[in-house]
Amino acid sequence: MSSLNTFHLNQSGTTEFVFRVFTTSPKIQALLFCFFLLLYIMTLCGNTTIIWAVYTHTSLHIPMYFFLSNLSLIEICYTTTVVPLMLSNIFGAQRPIPLAGCAAQMLLFYTVGGTDCFLLAIMAYDRYVAICHPLHYTLIMTQKRCIQLMLASLGLPFYLELHLTILLFTLPFCGHHLEINHFFCDAPPVLRLACGDTRVQQAIIFVMGFFILAVPFVLISISYIFIANTILQIRSAEGRWRAFSTCSSHLSMVLLQYGCGILVYMRPKSSTSEDEDWQLALVYTFAIPLLNPLIYTLRNKDVKDALKKSMSCTVPSEPP
C-alpha cells in the first residue's frame, strides 16, 4: 500500500489529487490490470449486446425492454466514468487529477448512479402496470411517457448531484497535492481531505444518499406489494410463475444495487472503514454492471430468444 496522505501546506498552486496505489508489486499490478481490463471489456460487450438485441428485434420494442436497454447504457457509462482512469493509474504512476477533473468525475458518477436507482423504480412501475392493469398498459406506457420518465430519471439526479459537487469542492483543501484513499473521486474519501469542520457536508451526503436510495426503493416496494397481491390472486400455478418470472431479473438487480449502495452511503461514519469502502466500490463498479446483462439474458426468455435468433442468422447455412 502507498504512504499516508501527503500535505504541502506552505506551497502555492492549484489543488491536485492522486489515487491510492493498489500495490507496489509489478507482477500483481500487471495481474490486476489484466483482470480489471477483462471485466471492463466483458461489461461493455454484455451490455452492448443487450442494447443491440433490443434495437434490432421488433419483438423487444416494448417499454420493458426500452428501459432495459437504457439501463445497459447507464451501466456502460457507470463503469466508463471510473475504470479507464483507474487502469491508467494501476501501475503506481499516481498521475494527478486536477480539482475540476475530480469534481467532474464525481458529478458524472453520482448522476449515472442516481439515474440507475430511479430507472430501477421506473422498471418496477412498468411491471406494476403490466401485471396489475394489463388492459390499460398500452394507454399508460406510451412512447412519450417512457421518454419522459427516462429524462426525469436522468435530470433529477443531475440536479441534486450538481449542488452536492459544488458544495464539496468549494471546501478548502489542506495542500495542493493530496492522496485520495480510493481509486476514484468518491465523496467520503474526498471529504476526509478537506480542512475545517465538514459535519454539514457529511450530513448533506447522508440526506442526499437517503433520498436517491430510499425514494426509489420505497416506490419499488410499493409496486411489488401490488404486484404480489395481484399474482397471488391468479388461480393457476403456471400463471403465477409466468407473472413472477417477468419480475425476477429486476428484483435481482434491485437487491444488488441497493445492498451495495446502502452499505456504502447509509452507514454512520463511526462504522465506516476505508478498506471496506474500497471493496464495496469494486463490487458496484465491476460486478453489478457485469451481472446486469448476465441476469437478464439467463433469466429472461424474450432476450434469450432474440439472441438465439441473431446467432442463427449469423451462422452461414451449409450448402445442400
C-alpha atoms as a PDB file:
ATOM      1  CA  MET A   1       0.000   0.000   0.000  1.00  0.00           C
ATOM      2  CA  SER A   2       1.103   3.563  -0.565  1.00  0.00           C
ATOM      3  CA  SER A   3       2.176   6.018   2.069  1.00  0.00           C
ATOM      4  CA  LEU A   4      -0.091   8.231   4.105  1.00  0.00           C
ATOM      5  CA  ASN A   5      -1.700  11.318   2.641  1.00  0.00           C
ATOM      6  CA  THR A   6       0.876  13.954   1.748  1.00  0.00           C
ATOM      7  CA  PHE A   7       0.133  17.551   2.613  1.00  0.00           C
ATOM      8  CA  HIS A   8       2.146  20.504   1.330  1.00  0.00           C
ATOM      9  CA  LEU A   9       0.723  23.312   3.416  1.00  0.00           C
ATOM     10  CA  ASN A  10       3.131  26.047   2.504  1.00  0.00           C
ATOM     11  CA  GLN A  11       3.226  25.564  -1.256  1.00  0.00           C
ATOM     12  CA  SER A  12       1.194  27.630  -3.649  1.00  0.00           C
ATOM     13  CA  GLY A  13      -0.648  26.296  -6.660  1.00  0.00           C
ATOM     14  CA  THR A  14      -3.881  24.655  -7.567  1.00  0.00           C
ATOM     15  CA  THR A  15      -5.089  21.595  -5.700  1.00  0.00           C
ATOM     16  CA  GLU A  16      -4.479  18.244  -7.376  1.00  0.00           C
ATOM     17  CA  PHE A  17      -5.353  14.734  -6.275  1.00  0.00           C
ATOM     18  CA  VAL A  18      -3.699  11.373  -6.763  1.00  0.00           C
ATOM     19  CA  PHE A  19      -5.273   7.989  -6.102  1.00  0.00           C
ATOM     20  CA  ARG A  20      -4.055   5.351  -3.712  1.00  0.00           C
ATOM     21  CA  VAL A  21      -1.883   2.670  -5.290  1.00  0.00           C
ATOM     22  CA  PHE A  22      -3.326  -0.849  -5.232  1.00  0.00           C
ATOM     23  CA  THR A  23       0.066  -2.493  -4.740  1.00  0.00           C
ATOM     24  CA  THR A  24       3.754  -1.803  -5.334  1.00  0.00           C
ATOM     25  CA  SER A  25       4.476  -5.268  -6.784  1.00  0.00           C
ATOM     26  CA  PRO A  26       4.883  -5.052 -10.590  1.00  0.00           C
ATOM     27  CA  LYS A  27       3.640  -8.618 -11.084  1.00  0.00           C
ATOM     28  CA  ILE A  28       0.482  -8.051  -9.056  1.00  0.00           C
ATOM     29  CA  GLN A  29      -0.044  -4.722 -10.824  1.00  0.00           C
ATOM     30  CA  ALA A  30       0.071  -6.492 -14.193  1.00  0.00           C
ATOM     31  CA  LEU A  31      -2.349  -9.168 -12.991  1.00  0.00           C
ATOM     32  CA  LEU A  32      -4.766  -6.582 -11.608  1.00  0.00           C
ATOM     33  CA  PHE A  33      -4.571  -4.547 -14.811  1.00  0.00           C
ATOM     34  CA  CYS A  34      -5.397  -7.582 -16.966  1.00  0.00           C
ATOM     35  CA  PHE A  35      -8.149  -8.724 -14.596  1.00  0.00           C
ATOM     36  CA  PHE A  36      -9.899  -5.340 -14.383  1.00  0.00           C
ATOM     37  CA  LEU A  37      -9.464  -4.758 -18.117  1.00  0.00           C
ATOM     38  CA  LEU A  38     -11.077  -8.128 -18.827  1.00  0.00           C
ATOM     39  CA  LEU A  39     -14.014  -7.321 -16.542  1.00  0.00           C
ATOM     40  CA  TYR A  40     -14.408  -3.927 -18.221  1.00  0.00           C
ATOM     41  CA  ILE A  41     -14.408  -5.445 -21.716  1.00  0.00           C
ATOM     42  CA  MET A  42     -16.916  -8.101 -20.634  1.00  0.00           C
ATOM     43  CA  THR A  43     -19.143  -5.387 -19.175  1.00  0.00           C
ATOM     44  CA  LEU A  44     -19.005  -3.362 -22.400  1.00  0.00           C
ATOM     45  CA  CYS A  45     -19.690  -6.421 -24.570  1.00  0.00           C
ATOM     46  CA  GLY A  46     -22.525  -7.762 -22.399  1.00  0.00           C
ATOM     47  CA  ASN A  47     -24.410  -4.500 -22.086  1.00  0.00           C
ATOM     48  CA  THR A  48     -23.810  -3.574 -25.721  1.00  0.00           C
ATOM     49  CA  THR A  49     -25.275  -6.945 -26.706  1.00  0.00           C
ATOM     50  CA  ILE A  50     -28.487  -6.164 -24.818  1.00  0.00           C
ATOM     51  CA  ILE A  51     -28.740  -2.719 -26.439  1.00  0.00           C
ATOM     52  CA  TRP A  52     -28.162  -4.246 -29.874  1.00  0.00           C
ATOM     53  CA  ALA A  53     -30.710  -7.037 -29.276  1.00  0.00           C
ATOM     54  CA  VAL A  54     -33.406  -4.592 -28.180  1.00  0.00           C
ATOM     55  CA  TYR A  55     -32.682  -2.230 -31.067  1.00  0.00           C
ATOM     56  CA  THR A  56     -32.661  -4.880 -33.812  1.00  0.00           C
ATOM     57  CA  HIS A  57     -35.593  -7.095 -32.759  1.00  0.00           C
ATOM     58  CA  THR A  58     -39.080  -5.691 -33.127  1.00  0.00           C
ATOM     59  CA  SER A  59     -40.403  -8.205 -30.590  1.00  0.00           C
ATOM     60  CA  LEU A  60     -38.430  -6.301 -27.931  1.00  0.00           C
ATOM     61  CA  HIS A  61     -39.753  -2.870 -28.912  1.00  0.00           C
ATOM     62  CA  ILE A  62     -41.891  -2.540 -25.797  1.00  0.00           C
ATOM     63  CA  PRO A  63     -41.424  -0.304 -22.723  1.00  0.00           C
ATOM     64  CA  MET A  64     -39.912  -3.060 -20.570  1.00  0.00           C
ATOM     65  CA  TYR A  65     -37.014  -3.551 -22.968  1.00  0.00           C
ATOM     66  CA  PHE A  66     -36.734   0.137 -23.766  1.00  0.00           C
ATOM     67  CA  PHE A  67     -35.908   0.686 -20.109  1.00  0.00           C
ATOM     68  CA  LEU A  68     -33.645  -2.384 -20.050  1.00  0.00           C
ATOM     69  CA  SER A  69     -31.592  -1.068 -22.986  1.00  0.00           C
ATOM     70  CA  ASN A  70     -31.279   2.299 -21.245  1.00  0.00           C
ATOM     71  CA  LEU A  71     -30.206   0.514 -18.053  1.00  0.00           C
ATOM     72  CA  SER A  72     -27.470  -1.221 -20.047  1.00  0.00           C
ATOM     73  CA  LEU A  73     -26.371   2.124 -21.486  1.00  0.00           C
ATOM     74  CA  ILE A  74     -26.267   3.564 -17.968  1.00  0.00           C
ATOM     75  CA  GLU A  75     -24.139   0.634 -16.799  1.00  0.00           C
ATOM     76  CA  ILE A  76     -21.666   1.299 -19.625  1.00  0.00           C
ATOM     77  CA  CYS A  77     -21.441   4.969 -18.644  1.00  0.00           C
ATOM     78  CA  TYR A  78     -21.156   3.970 -14.974  1.00  0.00           C
ATOM     79  CA  THR A  79     -18.039   1.867 -15.458  1.00  0.00           C
ATOM     80  CA  THR A  80     -16.522   4.113 -18.124  1.00  0.00           C
ATOM     81  CA  THR A  81     -16.627   7.052 -15.724  1.00  0.00           C
ATOM     82  CA  VAL A  82     -14.263   5.209 -13.370  1.00  0.00           C
ATOM     83  CA  VAL A  83     -12.418   2.300 -14.961  1.00  0.00           C
ATOM     84  CA  PRO A  84     -10.244   3.907 -17.705  1.00  0.00           C
ATOM     85  CA  LEU A  85      -8.755   6.388 -15.232  1.00  0.00           C
ATOM     86  CA  MET A  86      -8.269   3.628 -12.678  1.00  0.00           C
ATOM     87  CA  LEU A  87      -6.455   1.436 -15.217  1.00  0.00           C
ATOM     88  CA  SER A  88      -4.157   4.304 -16.176  1.00  0.00           C
ATOM     89  CA  ASN A  89      -3.071   4.633 -12.533  1.00  0.00           C
ATOM     90  CA  ILE A  90      -2.850   0.983 -11.595  1.00  0.00           C
ATOM     91  CA  PHE A  91       0.914   0.701 -12.233  1.00  0.00           C
ATOM     92  CA  GLY A  92       1.698   3.143  -9.467  1.00  0.00           C
ATOM     93  CA  ALA A  93       2.412   6.247 -11.543  1.00  0.00           C
ATOM     94  CA  GLN A  94      -0.146   8.230  -9.486  1.00  0.00           C
ATOM     95  CA  ARG A  95      -0.952  10.652 -12.283  1.00  0.00           C
ATOM     96  CA  PRO A  96      -2.517  13.756 -10.724  1.00  0.00           C
ATOM     97  CA  ILE A  97      -6.096  14.745 -11.458  1.00  0.00           C
ATOM     98  CA  PRO A  98      -6.981  18.445 -11.061  1.00  0.00           C
ATOM     99  CA  LEU A  99      -9.684  19.663  -8.736  1.00  0.00           C
ATOM    100  CA  ALA A 100     -12.053  20.343 -11.651  1.00  0.00           C
ATOM    101  CA  GLY A 101     -11.404  16.902 -13.128  1.00  0.00           C
ATOM    102  CA  CYS A 102     -12.130  15.211  -9.816  1.00  0.00           C
ATOM    103  CA  ALA A 103     -15.341  17.229  -9.460  1.00  0.00           C
ATOM    104  CA  ALA A 104     -16.400  16.279 -12.997  1.00  0.00           C
ATOM    105  CA  GLN A 105     -15.813  12.579 -12.331  1.00  0.00           C
ATOM    106  CA  MET A 106     -17.774  12.726  -9.083  1.00  0.00           C
ATOM    107  CA  LEU A 107     -20.666  14.568 -10.754  1.00  0.00           C
ATOM    108  CA  LEU A 108     -20.847  12.071 -13.628  1.00  0.00           C
ATOM    109  CA  PHE A 109     -20.501   9.045 -11.354  1.00  0.00           C
ATOM    110  CA  TYR A 110     -23.242  10.121  -8.960  1.00  0.00           C
ATOM    111  CA  THR A 111     -25.536  11.304 -11.747  1.00  0.00           C
ATOM    112  CA  VAL A 112     -25.280   7.959 -13.516  1.00  0.00           C
ATOM    113  CA  GLY A 113     -25.611   6.064 -10.232  1.00  0.00           C
ATOM    114  CA  GLY A 114     -28.693   8.057  -9.251  1.00  0.00           C
ATOM    115  CA  THR A 115     -30.183   7.517 -12.697  1.00  0.00           C
ATOM    116  CA  ASP A 116     -29.636   3.795 -12.211  1.00  0.00           C
ATOM    117  CA  CYS A 117     -31.654   3.853  -8.976  1.00  0.00           C
ATOM    118  CA  PHE A 118     -34.553   5.862 -10.399  1.00  0.00           C
ATOM    119  CA  LEU A 119     -34.566   3.747 -13.555  1.00  0.00           C
ATOM    120  CA  LEU A 120     -34.982   0.609 -11.459  1.00  0.00           C
ATOM    121  CA  ALA A 121     -38.000   2.285  -9.831  1.00  0.00           C
ATOM    122  CA  ILE A 122     -39.448   3.111 -13.259  1.00  0.00           C
ATOM    123  CA  MET A 123     -38.952  -0.501 -14.348  1.00  0.00           C
ATOM    124  CA  ALA A 124     -40.840  -1.639 -11.235  1.00  0.00           C
ATOM    125  CA  TYR A 125     -43.668   0.751 -12.133  1.00  0.00           C
ATOM    126  CA  ASP A 126     -43.699  -0.686 -15.658  1.00  0.00           C
ATOM    127  CA  ARG A 127     -44.090  -4.208 -14.247  1.00  0.00           C
ATOM    128  CA  TYR A 128     -46.843  -2.962 -11.912  1.00  0.00           C
ATOM    129  CA  VAL A 129     -48.845  -1.534 -14.809  1.00  0.00           C
ATOM    130  CA  ALA A 130     -48.257  -4.637 -16.969  1.00  0.00           C
ATOM    131  CA  ILE A 131     -49.369  -7.095 -14.276  1.00  0.00           C
ATOM    132  CA  CYS A 132     -51.980  -5.119 -12.330  1.00  0.00           C
ATOM    133  CA  HIS A 133     -53.504  -3.138 -15.218  1.00  0.00           C
ATOM    134  CA  PRO A 134     -52.795  -5.164 -18.367  1.00  0.00           C
ATOM    135  CA  LEU A 135     -55.757  -3.774 -20.325  1.00  0.00           C
ATOM    136  CA  HIS A 136     -54.562  -0.200 -19.827  1.00  0.00           C
ATOM    137  CA  TYR A 137     -50.862  -0.918 -20.303  1.00  0.00           C
ATOM    138  CA  THR A 138     -50.543   0.455 -23.841  1.00  0.00           C
ATOM    139  CA  LEU A 139     -52.537   3.542 -22.879  1.00  0.00           C
ATOM    140  CA  ILE A 140     -50.378   4.312 -19.828  1.00  0.00           C
ATOM    141  CA  MET A 141     -46.899   3.296 -21.005  1.00  0.00           C
ATOM    142  CA  THR A 142     -46.851   5.201 -24.266  1.00  0.00           C
ATOM    143  CA  GLN A 143     -43.626   6.020 -26.081  1.00  0.00           C
ATOM    144  CA  LYS A 144     -43.909   9.654 -24.997  1.00  0.00           C
ATOM    145  CA  ARG A 145     -44.442   8.643 -21.355  1.00  0.00           C
ATOM    146  CA  CYS A 146     -41.447   6.295 -21.457  1.00  0.00           C
ATOM    147  CA  ILE A 147     -39.162   9.021 -22.818  1.00  0.00           C
ATOM    148  CA  GLN A 148     -40.431  11.491 -20.209  1.00  0.00           C
ATOM    149  CA  LEU A 149     -39.751   9.019 -17.396  1.00  0.00           C
ATOM    150  CA  MET A 150     -36.287   8.301 -18.758  1.00  0.00           C
ATOM    151  CA  LEU A 151     -35.404  12.013 -18.969  1.00  0.00           C
ATOM    152  CA  ALA A 152     -36.745  12.590 -15.452  1.00  0.00           C
ATOM    153  CA  SER A 153     -34.619   9.737 -14.072  1.00  0.00           C
ATOM    154  CA  LEU A 154     -31.563  11.450 -15.566  1.00  0.00           C
ATOM    155  CA  GLY A 155     -32.424  15.088 -14.845  1.00  0.00           C
ATOM    156  CA  LEU A 156     -33.305  14.779 -11.157  1.00  0.00           C
ATOM    157  CA  PRO A 157     -30.034  13.089 -10.067  1.00  0.00           C
ATOM    158  CA  PHE A 158     -28.017  15.536 -12.173  1.00  0.00           C
ATOM    159  CA  TYR A 159     -29.728  18.500 -10.487  1.00  0.00           C
ATOM    160  CA  LEU A 160     -29.168  17.088  -6.989  1.00  0.00           C
ATOM    161  CA  GLU A 161     -25.607  15.924  -7.542  1.00  0.00           C
ATOM    162  CA  LEU A 162     -24.575  19.189  -9.181  1.00  0.00           C
ATOM    163  CA  HIS A 163     -25.382  21.035  -5.956  1.00  0.00           C
ATOM    164  CA  LEU A 164     -23.640  18.378  -3.859  1.00  0.00           C
ATOM    165  CA  THR A 165     -20.489  18.525  -6.002  1.00  0.00           C
ATOM    166  CA  ILE A 166     -20.358  22.324  -5.832  1.00  0.00           C
ATOM    167  CA  LEU A 167     -20.808  22.162  -2.058  1.00  0.00           C
ATOM    168  CA  LEU A 168     -17.944  19.679  -1.624  1.00  0.00           C
ATOM    169  CA  PHE A 169     -15.440  21.281  -3.963  1.00  0.00           C
ATOM    170  CA  THR A 170     -15.853  24.789  -2.591  1.00  0.00           C
ATOM    171  CA  LEU A 171     -14.362  23.486   0.655  1.00  0.00           C
ATOM    172  CA  PRO A 172     -10.718  24.404   1.383  1.00  0.00           C
ATOM    173  CA  PHE A 173      -8.215  21.561   0.985  1.00  0.00           C
ATOM    174  CA  CYS A 174      -5.036  21.415   3.066  1.00  0.00           C
ATOM    175  CA  GLY A 175      -2.409  21.428   0.362  1.00  0.00           C
ATOM    176  CA  HIS A 176      -2.209  21.148  -3.391  1.00  0.00           C
ATOM    177  CA  HIS A 177      -1.088  17.532  -3.907  1.00  0.00           C
ATOM    178  CA  LEU A 178      -3.304  15.185  -1.902  1.00  0.00           C
ATOM    179  CA  GLU A 179      -3.780  11.427  -1.990  1.00  0.00           C
ATOM    180  CA  ILE A 180      -7.343  10.115  -2.133  1.00  0.00           C
ATOM    181  CA  ASN A 181      -7.616   6.819  -0.285  1.00  0.00           C
ATOM    182  CA  HIS A 182      -9.661   5.352  -3.114  1.00  0.00           C
ATOM    183  CA  PHE A 183      -9.424   4.547  -6.834  1.00  0.00           C
ATOM    184  CA  PHE A 184     -11.814   7.310  -7.960  1.00  0.00           C
ATOM    185  CA  CYS A 185     -13.215  10.607  -6.706  1.00  0.00           C
ATOM    186  CA  ASP A 186     -15.851   9.368  -4.283  1.00  0.00           C
ATOM    187  CA  ALA A 187     -17.399  11.837  -1.857  1.00  0.00           C
ATOM    188  CA  PRO A 188     -16.455  10.288   1.529  1.00  0.00           C
ATOM    189  CA  PRO A 189     -12.686   9.934   0.867  1.00  0.00           C
ATOM    190  CA  VAL A 190     -12.501  13.359  -0.808  1.00  0.00           C
ATOM    191  CA  LEU A 191     -14.304  14.927   2.158  1.00  0.00           C
ATOM    192  CA  ARG A 192     -11.682  13.465   4.519  1.00  0.00           C
ATOM    193  CA  LEU A 193      -9.043  15.630   2.815  1.00  0.00           C
ATOM    194  CA  ALA A 194     -10.895  18.897   3.419  1.00  0.00           C
ATOM    195  CA  CYS A 195      -9.815  21.372   6.056  1.00  0.00           C
ATOM    196  CA  GLY A 196     -12.076  22.548   8.828  1.00  0.00           C
ATOM    197  CA  ASP A 197     -15.456  21.326  10.010  1.00  0.00           C
ATOM    198  CA  THR A 198     -17.191  19.066   7.464  1.00  0.00           C
ATOM    199  CA  ARG A 199     -20.153  17.929   9.564  1.00  0.00           C
ATOM    200  CA  VAL A 200     -22.641  19.878   7.450  1.00  0.00           C
ATOM    201  CA  GLN A 201     -21.311  18.318   4.243  1.00  0.00           C
ATOM    202  CA  GLN A 202     -21.383  14.850   5.805  1.00  0.00           C
ATOM    203  CA  ALA A 203     -25.000  15.365   6.834  1.00  0.00           C
ATOM    204  CA  ILE A 204     -25.913  16.536   3.327  1.00  0.00           C
ATOM    205  CA  ILE A 205     -24.212  13.494   1.766  1.00  0.00           C
ATOM    206  CA  PHE A 206     -26.243  11.269   4.098  1.00  0.00           C
ATOM    207  CA  VAL A 207     -29.521  13.060   3.303  1.00  0.00           C
ATOM    208  CA  MET A 208     -28.785  13.063  -0.425  1.00  0.00           C
ATOM    209  CA  GLY A 209     -27.881   9.371  -0.348  1.00  0.00           C
ATOM    210  CA  PHE A 210     -31.027   8.632   1.651  1.00  0.00           C
ATOM    211  CA  PHE A 211     -33.186  10.462  -0.898  1.00  0.00           C
ATOM    212  CA  ILE A 212     -31.629   8.881  -4.001  1.00  0.00           C
ATOM    213  CA  LEU A 213     -31.647   5.400  -2.470  1.00  0.00           C
ATOM    214  CA  ALA A 214     -34.756   5.460  -0.284  1.00  0.00           C
ATOM    215  CA  VAL A 215     -37.279   7.210  -2.541  1.00  0.00           C
ATOM    216  CA  PRO A 216     -36.828   4.797  -5.479  1.00  0.00           C
ATOM    217  CA  PHE A 217     -36.670   1.865  -3.063  1.00  0.00           C
ATOM    218  CA  VAL A 218     -39.994   2.864  -1.475  1.00  0.00           C
ATOM    219  CA  LEU A 219     -41.563   3.187  -4.934  1.00  0.00           C
ATOM    220  CA  ILE A 220     -40.180  -0.226  -5.889  1.00  0.00           C
ATOM    221  CA  SER A 221     -41.509  -1.769  -2.668  1.00  0.00           C
ATOM    222  CA  ILE A 222     -44.982  -0.293  -3.180  1.00  0.00           C
ATOM    223  CA  SER A 223     -45.049  -1.532  -6.776  1.00  0.00           C
ATOM    224  CA  TYR A 224     -44.120  -5.055  -5.730  1.00  0.00           C
ATOM    225  CA  ILE A 225     -46.674  -5.129  -2.929  1.00  0.00           C
ATOM    226  CA  PHE A 226     -49.403  -4.548  -5.513  1.00  0.00           C
ATOM    227  CA  ILE A 227     -47.725  -6.968  -7.938  1.00  0.00           C
ATOM    228  CA  ALA A 228     -47.530  -9.710  -5.294  1.00  0.00           C
ATOM    229  CA  ASN A 229     -51.159  -9.165  -4.354  1.00  0.00           C
ATOM    230  CA  THR A 230     -52.212  -9.496  -7.994  1.00  0.00           C
ATOM    231  CA  ILE A 231     -50.051 -12.570  -8.601  1.00  0.00           C
ATOM    232  CA  LEU A 232     -51.477 -14.353  -5.555  1.00  0.00           C
ATOM    233  CA  GLN A 233     -54.974 -13.892  -6.984  1.00  0.00           C
ATOM    234  CA  ILE A 234     -54.043 -15.817 -10.142  1.00  0.00           C
ATOM    235  CA  ARG A 235     -55.555 -19.288  -9.813  1.00  0.00           C
ATOM    236  CA  SER A 236     -53.175 -21.385 -11.879  1.00  0.00           C
ATOM    237  CA  ALA A 237     -49.663 -22.084 -10.647  1.00  0.00           C
ATOM    238  CA  GLU A 238     -48.366 -21.696 -14.213  1.00  0.00           C
ATOM    239  CA  GLY A 239     -49.924 -18.250 -14.498  1.00  0.00           C
ATOM    240  CA  ARG A 240     -48.431 -17.156 -11.173  1.00  0.00           C
ATOM    241  CA  TRP A 241     -44.997 -18.390 -12.219  1.00  0.00           C
ATOM    242  CA  ARG A 242     -45.214 -16.674 -15.604  1.00  0.00           C
ATOM    243  CA  ALA A 243     -46.135 -13.372 -13.971  1.00  0.00           C
ATOM    244  CA  PHE A 244     -43.406 -13.667 -11.355  1.00  0.00           C
ATOM    245  CA  SER A 245     -40.749 -14.634 -13.917  1.00  0.00           C
ATOM    246  CA  THR A 246     -41.131 -11.248 -15.636  1.00  0.00           C
ATOM    247  CA  CYS A 247     -40.032  -9.595 -12.375  1.00  0.00           C
ATOM    248  CA  SER A 248     -37.320 -11.943 -11.110  1.00  0.00           C
ATOM    249  CA  SER A 249     -34.452 -10.391 -13.098  1.00  0.00           C
ATOM    250  CA  HIS A 250     -35.423  -6.905 -11.990  1.00  0.00           C
ATOM    251  CA  LEU A 251     -35.647  -7.982  -8.351  1.00  0.00           C
ATOM    252  CA  SER A 252     -32.154  -9.456  -8.529  1.00  0.00           C
ATOM    253  CA  MET A 253     -30.735  -6.175  -9.828  1.00  0.00           C
ATOM    254  CA  VAL A 254     -32.575  -4.195  -7.138  1.00  0.00           C
ATOM    255  CA  LEU A 255     -31.094  -6.325  -4.354  1.00  0.00           C
ATOM    256  CA  LEU A 256     -27.563  -5.978  -5.739  1.00  0.00           C
ATOM    257  CA  GLN A 257     -27.778  -2.247  -6.409  1.00  0.00           C
ATOM    258  CA  TYR A 258     -29.397  -1.207  -3.156  1.00  0.00           C
ATOM    259  CA  GLY A 259     -27.444  -3.626  -0.989  1.00  0.00           C
ATOM    260  CA  CYS A 260     -24.134  -2.051  -2.024  1.00  0.00           C
ATOM    261  CA  GLY A 261     -25.491   1.499  -2.032  1.00  0.00           C
ATOM    262  CA  ILE A 262     -26.887   1.260   1.494  1.00  0.00           C
ATOM    263  CA  LEU A 263     -23.686  -0.307   2.854  1.00  0.00           C
ATOM    264  CA  VAL A 264     -21.507   2.452   1.369  1.00  0.00           C
ATOM    265  CA  TYR A 265     -23.546   5.648   1.746  1.00  0.00           C
ATOM    266  CA  MET A 266     -26.053   4.991   4.531  1.00  0.00           C
ATOM    267  CA  ARG A 267     -23.701   3.740   7.237  1.00  0.00           C
ATOM    268  CA  PRO A 268     -22.766   6.111  10.063  1.00  0.00           C
ATOM    269  CA  LYS A 269     -19.231   7.463   9.861  1.00  0.00           C
ATOM    270  CA  SER A 270     -18.153   5.685  13.062  1.00  0.00           C
ATOM    271  CA  SER A 271     -18.765   2.286  11.426  1.00  0.00           C
ATOM    272  CA  THR A 272     -17.191   3.178   8.093  1.00  0.00           C
ATOM    273  CA  SER A 273     -13.896   1.530   7.201  1.00  0.00           C
ATOM    274  CA  GLU A 274     -11.944   2.932   4.251  1.00  0.00           C
ATOM    275  CA  ASP A 275     -10.814  -0.553   3.219  1.00  0.00           C
ATOM    276  CA  GLU A 276     -14.426  -1.771   3.297  1.00  0.00           C
ATOM    277  CA  ASP A 277     -15.438   1.186   1.118  1.00  0.00           C
ATOM    278  CA  TRP A 278     -12.762   0.141  -1.370  1.00  0.00           C
ATOM    279  CA  GLN A 279     -14.018  -3.431  -1.520  1.00  0.00           C
ATOM    280  CA  LEU A 280     -17.662  -2.423  -1.892  1.00  0.00           C
ATOM    281  CA  ALA A 281     -16.740   0.144  -4.528  1.00  0.00           C
ATOM    282  CA  LEU A 282     -15.085  -2.596  -6.581  1.00  0.00           C
ATOM    283  CA  VAL A 283     -18.303  -4.626  -6.337  1.00  0.00           C
ATOM    284  CA  TYR A 284     -20.632  -1.892  -7.574  1.00  0.00           C
ATOM    285  CA  THR A 285     -18.127  -0.633 -10.154  1.00  0.00           C
ATOM    286  CA  PHE A 286     -17.419  -4.009 -11.755  1.00  0.00           C
ATOM    287  CA  ALA A 287     -19.738  -6.744 -10.504  1.00  0.00           C
ATOM    288  CA  ILE A 288     -23.136  -5.033 -10.828  1.00  0.00           C
ATOM    289  CA  PRO A 289     -22.660  -3.699 -14.393  1.00  0.00           C
ATOM    290  CA  LEU A 290     -21.235  -7.090 -15.407  1.00  0.00           C
ATOM    291  CA  LEU A 291     -24.056  -9.087 -13.804  1.00  0.00           C
ATOM    292  CA  ASN A 292     -26.803  -6.943 -15.340  1.00  0.00           C
ATOM    293  CA  PRO A 293     -26.589  -8.491 -18.844  1.00  0.00           C
ATOM    294  CA  LEU A 294     -25.959 -11.968 -17.411  1.00  0.00           C
ATOM    295  CA  ILE A 295     -29.056 -11.816 -15.199  1.00  0.00           C
ATOM    296  CA  TYR A 296     -31.293 -10.530 -17.961  1.00  0.00           C
ATOM    297  CA  THR A 297     -30.027 -12.935 -20.617  1.00  0.00           C
ATOM    298  CA  LEU A 298     -30.030 -16.028 -18.412  1.00  0.00           C
ATOM    299  CA  ARG A 299     -33.376 -15.360 -16.734  1.00  0.00           C
ATOM    300  CA  ASN A 300     -35.336 -13.598 -19.476  1.00  0.00           C
ATOM    301  CA  LYS A 301     -36.846 -15.803 -22.183  1.00  0.00           C
ATOM    302  CA  ASP A 302     -37.546 -12.974 -24.649  1.00  0.00           C
ATOM    303  CA  VAL A 303     -33.952 -11.720 -24.589  1.00  0.00           C
ATOM    304  CA  LYS A 304     -32.575 -15.261 -24.870  1.00  0.00           C
ATOM    305  CA  ASP A 305     -34.818 -15.987 -27.852  1.00  0.00           C
ATOM    306  CA  ALA A 306     -33.768 -12.750 -29.568  1.00  0.00           C
ATOM    307  CA  LEU A 307     -30.087 -13.558 -29.081  1.00  0.00           C
ATOM    308  CA  LYS A 308     -30.584 -17.108 -30.368  1.00  0.00           C
ATOM    309  CA  LYS A 309     -32.259 -15.775 -33.494  1.00  0.00           C
ATOM    310  CA  SER A 310     -29.404 -13.354 -34.033  1.00  0.00           C
ATOM    311  CA  MET A 311     -26.822 -16.094 -33.642  1.00  0.00           C
ATOM    312  CA  SER A 312     -28.703 -18.394 -36.014  1.00  0.00           C
ATOM    313  CA  CYS A 313     -28.844 -15.630 -38.631  1.00  0.00           C
ATOM    314  CA  THR A 314     -25.101 -15.003 -38.406  1.00  0.00           C
ATOM    315  CA  VAL A 315     -24.167 -18.686 -38.792  1.00  0.00           C
ATOM    316  CA  PRO A 316     -23.983 -19.475 -42.532  1.00  0.00           C
ATOM    317  CA  SER A 317     -26.161 -22.346 -43.652  1.00  0.00           C
ATOM    318  CA  GLU A 318     -24.487 -25.462 -45.007  1.00  0.00           C
ATOM    319  CA  PRO A 319     -24.620 -25.953 -48.786  1.00  0.00           C
ATOM    320  CA  PRO A 320     -27.021 -28.657 -49.985  1.00  0.00           C
END
